[in-house]
Amino acid sequence: MPIDVYAAMRAMLRAEATRRPVTPQARTAADPSPPAVDPAA
């Protein structure tokens, strides 16, 4: 179950990164971090 959530989060982050080439840096740093930081940011 947790793997599915991480996969979905990664997919969303990748989609957002593709739309905005300015977030990839912050997103990459938060990728290993808990998913709670991504939605909060």
N, C-alpha and C. Protein backbone atom coordinates (compact mmCIF):
# COMPACT_ATOMS: atom_id res chain seq x y z
N MET A 1 0.84 -1.21 0.00
CA MET A 1 0.00 0.00 0.00
C MET A 1 0.87 1.26 0.00
N PRO A 2 1.82 1.37 0.93
CA PRO A 2 2.67 2.57 0.99
C PRO A 2 3.42 2.79 -0.31
N ILE A 3 3.82 1.70 -0.96
CA ILE A 3 4.55 1.82 -2.24
C ILE A 3 3.66 2.53 -3.26
N ASP A 4 2.38 2.17 -3.27
CA ASP A 4 1.46 2.78 -4.24
C ASP A 4 1.39 4.29 -4.01
N VAL A 5 1.33 4.69 -2.74
CA VAL A 5 1.25 6.12 -2.42
C VAL A 5 2.52 6.83 -2.90
N TYR A 6 3.66 6.21 -2.62
CA TYR A 6 4.92 6.82 -3.06
C TYR A 6 4.97 6.93 -4.57
N ALA A 7 4.50 5.89 -5.26
CA ALA A 7 4.50 5.89 -6.73
C ALA A 7 3.62 7.04 -7.24
N ALA A 8 2.46 7.18 -6.64
CA ALA A 8 1.54 8.25 -7.06
C ALA A 8 2.19 9.62 -6.79
N MET A 9 2.81 9.75 -5.62
CA MET A 9 3.45 11.03 -5.28
C MET A 9 4.55 11.34 -6.29
N ARG A 10 5.36 10.32 -6.60
CA ARG A 10 6.46 10.54 -7.55
C ARG A 10 5.89 10.95 -8.90
N ALA A 11 4.83 10.29 -9.31
CA ALA A 11 4.22 10.61 -10.62
C ALA A 11 3.73 12.06 -10.62
N MET A 12 3.08 12.46 -9.54
CA MET A 12 2.56 13.84 -9.46
C MET A 12 3.73 14.83 -9.45
N LEU A 13 4.76 14.52 -8.67
CA LEU A 13 5.91 15.42 -8.60
C LEU A 13 6.56 15.53 -9.97
N ARG A 14 6.68 14.40 -10.66
CA ARG A 14 7.31 14.42 -11.99
C ARG A 14 6.46 15.25 -12.95
N ALA A 15 5.15 15.10 -12.87
CA ALA A 15 4.26 15.86 -13.75
C ALA A 15 4.41 17.36 -13.47
N GLU A 16 4.46 17.71 -12.20
CA GLU A 16 4.61 19.13 -11.84
C GLU A 16 5.98 19.64 -12.28
N ALA A 17 7.00 18.81 -12.10
CA ALA A 17 8.36 19.21 -12.49
C ALA A 17 8.41 19.46 -13.99
N THR A 18 7.70 18.64 -14.74
CA THR A 18 7.69 18.82 -16.21
C THR A 18 7.00 20.14 -16.56
N ARG A 19 5.97 20.49 -15.82
CA ARG A 19 5.26 21.75 -16.09
C ARG A 19 6.11 22.93 -15.66
N ARG A 20 6.71 22.83 -14.48
CA ARG A 20 7.53 23.94 -13.99
C ARG A 20 8.97 23.49 -13.82
N PRO A 21 9.88 23.94 -14.66
CA PRO A 21 11.30 23.56 -14.58
C PRO A 21 12.02 24.26 -13.42
N VAL A 22 11.26 24.97 -12.58
CA VAL A 22 11.89 25.68 -11.46
C VAL A 22 11.74 24.89 -10.17
N THR A 23 10.73 24.00 -10.11
CA THR A 23 10.49 23.23 -8.89
C THR A 23 11.33 21.95 -8.80
N PRO A 24 11.83 21.41 -9.90
CA PRO A 24 12.56 20.15 -9.84
C PRO A 24 13.61 20.12 -8.73
N GLN A 25 14.31 21.23 -8.52
CA GLN A 25 15.35 21.24 -7.49
C GLN A 25 14.74 21.01 -6.10
N ALA A 26 13.74 21.79 -5.75
CA ALA A 26 13.11 21.67 -4.44
C ALA A 26 12.40 20.32 -4.34
N ARG A 27 11.76 19.90 -5.42
CA ARG A 27 11.04 18.62 -5.41
C ARG A 27 12.02 17.46 -5.21
N THR A 28 13.16 17.52 -5.88
CA THR A 28 14.13 16.43 -5.77
C THR A 28 14.63 16.32 -4.32
N ALA A 29 14.83 17.46 -3.68
CA ALA A 29 15.33 17.46 -2.31
C ALA A 29 14.26 16.92 -1.37
N ALA A 30 12.99 17.15 -1.69
CA ALA A 30 11.90 16.70 -0.83
C ALA A 30 11.45 15.29 -1.20
N ASP A 31 11.94 14.77 -2.32
CA ASP A 31 11.52 13.43 -2.76
C ASP A 31 11.81 12.38 -1.69
N PRO A 32 13.07 12.30 -1.20
CA PRO A 32 13.40 11.32 -0.16
C PRO A 32 12.70 11.64 1.16
N SER A 33 12.35 12.89 1.35
CA SER A 33 11.69 13.29 2.59
C SER A 33 10.24 12.79 2.61
N PRO A 34 9.59 12.87 3.75
CA PRO A 34 8.19 12.44 3.85
C PRO A 34 7.30 13.17 2.86
N PRO A 35 6.25 12.51 2.38
CA PRO A 35 5.35 13.11 1.39
C PRO A 35 4.56 14.28 1.97
N ALA A 36 4.59 14.45 3.28
CA ALA A 36 3.83 15.52 3.92
C ALA A 36 4.47 16.88 3.57
N VAL A 37 5.76 16.88 3.27
CA VAL A 37 6.45 18.13 2.95
C VAL A 37 6.06 18.61 1.57
N ASP A 38 5.84 17.69 0.63
CA ASP A 38 5.50 18.08 -0.74
C ASP A 38 4.17 18.85 -0.80
N PRO A 39 3.09 18.29 -0.30
CA PRO A 39 1.79 18.99 -0.33
C PRO A 39 1.84 20.28 0.49
N ALA A 40 2.63 20.29 1.55
CA ALA A 40 2.71 21.49 2.39
C ALA A 40 3.39 22.61 1.61
N ALA A 41 4.40 22.25 0.83
CA ALA A 41 5.11 23.27 0.06
C ALA A 41 4.21 23.74 -1.06
